Every structure is written in structure tokens, then in C-alpha cells.
Amino acid sequence: MRINKSSDTCPLCGGTKKAGQTTFTVDLGFGVVVVRNVPATVCSQCGADWIQDPIAAKLEDIVNDARRKHLTVEVITLTA
């Protein structure tokens, strides 16, 4: 029997996915980038999160900028 799961169901645990925010971190080896308040879809049960492509592109730009700056720690709050 095949179960049709909606896109609102977490594929990892079966919990409910809802709009929310997450914190995105990257270890660059020489430093760490932390981006807070990232819009995401978050599972209310297991906490897994998904970031949409336009947000991921912004995060990639932030990480590349931090890589160019070569800072040890960079903490950013994402704004719309």
C-alpha cells in the first residue's frame, strides 16, 4: 500500500512542517559564519529544517563574502 504524504509532512519523522526560522552555520576551516533568523520550513516534531532556493542563494553570497574577508567569526542576522 502506498501512502501519499503531503508536502506539509516531514519526510524524516512524519511530523508537521511549518513556516519558521532557523540558524545557518558554516565552518570555513579558518573561521565560522553564523546567520540567524533565516526563514525556513521547520518540522514541529524533529526540528529538521528546509531553506528555499532564493534564501539559499543569499546564504551562499554571505558565506562567499565571509570567505573573502577571512574573519575568524562572523555573525549576521538575515533581514528580508
Protein backbone atom coordinates (compact mmCIF):
# COMPACT_ATOMS: atom_id res chain seq x y z
CA MET A 1 0.00 0.00 0.00
CA ARG A 2 1.35 3.40 -0.98
CA ILE A 3 0.84 6.32 1.40
CA ASN A 4 0.51 9.74 -0.18
CA LYS A 5 2.25 12.20 2.13
CA SER A 6 1.57 15.89 1.70
CA SER A 7 4.35 18.46 1.40
CA ASP A 8 3.41 19.57 4.94
CA THR A 9 4.61 16.24 6.33
CA CYS A 10 8.24 15.82 7.39
CA PRO A 11 9.85 13.06 5.31
CA LEU A 12 12.19 12.26 8.20
CA CYS A 13 9.77 11.70 11.09
CA GLY A 14 6.23 12.26 9.79
CA GLY A 15 5.74 15.42 11.87
CA THR A 16 4.15 18.62 10.59
CA LYS A 17 6.27 21.15 8.67
CA LYS A 18 5.50 24.80 9.36
CA ALA A 19 6.95 28.19 8.39
CA GLY A 20 9.55 29.34 10.86
CA GLN A 21 13.17 30.36 11.25
CA THR A 22 16.47 28.60 11.70
CA THR A 23 20.12 29.38 12.31
CA PHE A 24 22.53 28.55 9.48
CA THR A 25 26.17 27.86 10.34
CA VAL A 26 29.21 27.09 8.20
CA ASP A 27 32.69 26.10 9.35
CA LEU A 28 35.15 27.55 6.83
CA GLY A 29 38.17 25.94 8.45
CA PHE A 30 39.75 29.28 9.38
CA GLY A 31 36.53 30.67 10.81
CA VAL A 32 32.80 30.25 11.35
CA VAL A 33 29.82 32.01 9.78
CA VAL A 34 26.54 32.12 11.73
CA VAL A 35 23.40 33.52 10.10
CA ARG A 36 20.44 33.94 12.44
CA ASN A 37 16.71 34.35 11.71
CA VAL A 38 16.84 32.50 8.39
CA PRO A 39 13.33 31.90 7.00
CA ALA A 40 12.75 28.16 6.70
CA THR A 41 10.20 25.41 6.84
CA VAL A 42 10.71 23.63 10.16
CA CYS A 43 9.36 20.30 11.43
CA SER A 44 7.46 20.83 14.68
CA GLN A 45 8.39 17.34 15.85
CA CYS A 46 12.07 16.70 14.99
CA GLY A 47 13.26 20.25 14.20
CA ALA A 48 14.58 19.42 10.72
CA ASP A 49 14.59 22.49 8.51
CA TRP A 50 14.39 23.28 4.80
CA ILE A 51 15.53 26.51 3.15
CA GLN A 52 14.08 27.70 -0.16
CA ASP A 53 16.40 28.32 -3.12
CA PRO A 54 16.27 32.17 -3.05
CA ILE A 55 17.25 32.16 0.64
CA ALA A 56 19.97 29.58 -0.04
CA ALA A 57 21.38 31.89 -2.74
CA LYS A 58 21.54 34.76 -0.20
CA LEU A 59 23.29 32.46 2.28
CA GLU A 60 25.80 31.45 -0.38
CA ASP A 61 26.59 35.12 -1.02
CA ILE A 62 27.05 35.72 2.73
CA VAL A 63 29.40 32.74 3.04
CA ASN A 64 31.43 33.79 -0.01
CA ASP A 65 31.73 37.32 1.41
CA ALA A 66 32.91 35.92 4.77
CA ARG A 67 35.43 33.73 2.93
CA ARG A 68 36.82 36.84 1.17
CA LYS A 69 37.03 38.76 4.48
CA HIS A 70 38.79 35.77 6.11
CA LEU A 71 37.31 36.58 9.54
CA THR A 72 37.50 34.13 12.42
CA VAL A 73 33.83 34.64 13.36
CA GLU A 74 31.04 36.40 11.50
CA VAL A 75 27.51 36.53 12.94
CA ILE A 76 24.76 38.01 10.79
CA THR A 77 21.02 38.40 11.28
CA LEU A 78 19.27 37.86 7.97
CA THR A 79 16.86 40.63 7.05
CA ALA A 80 14.30 40.48 4.28
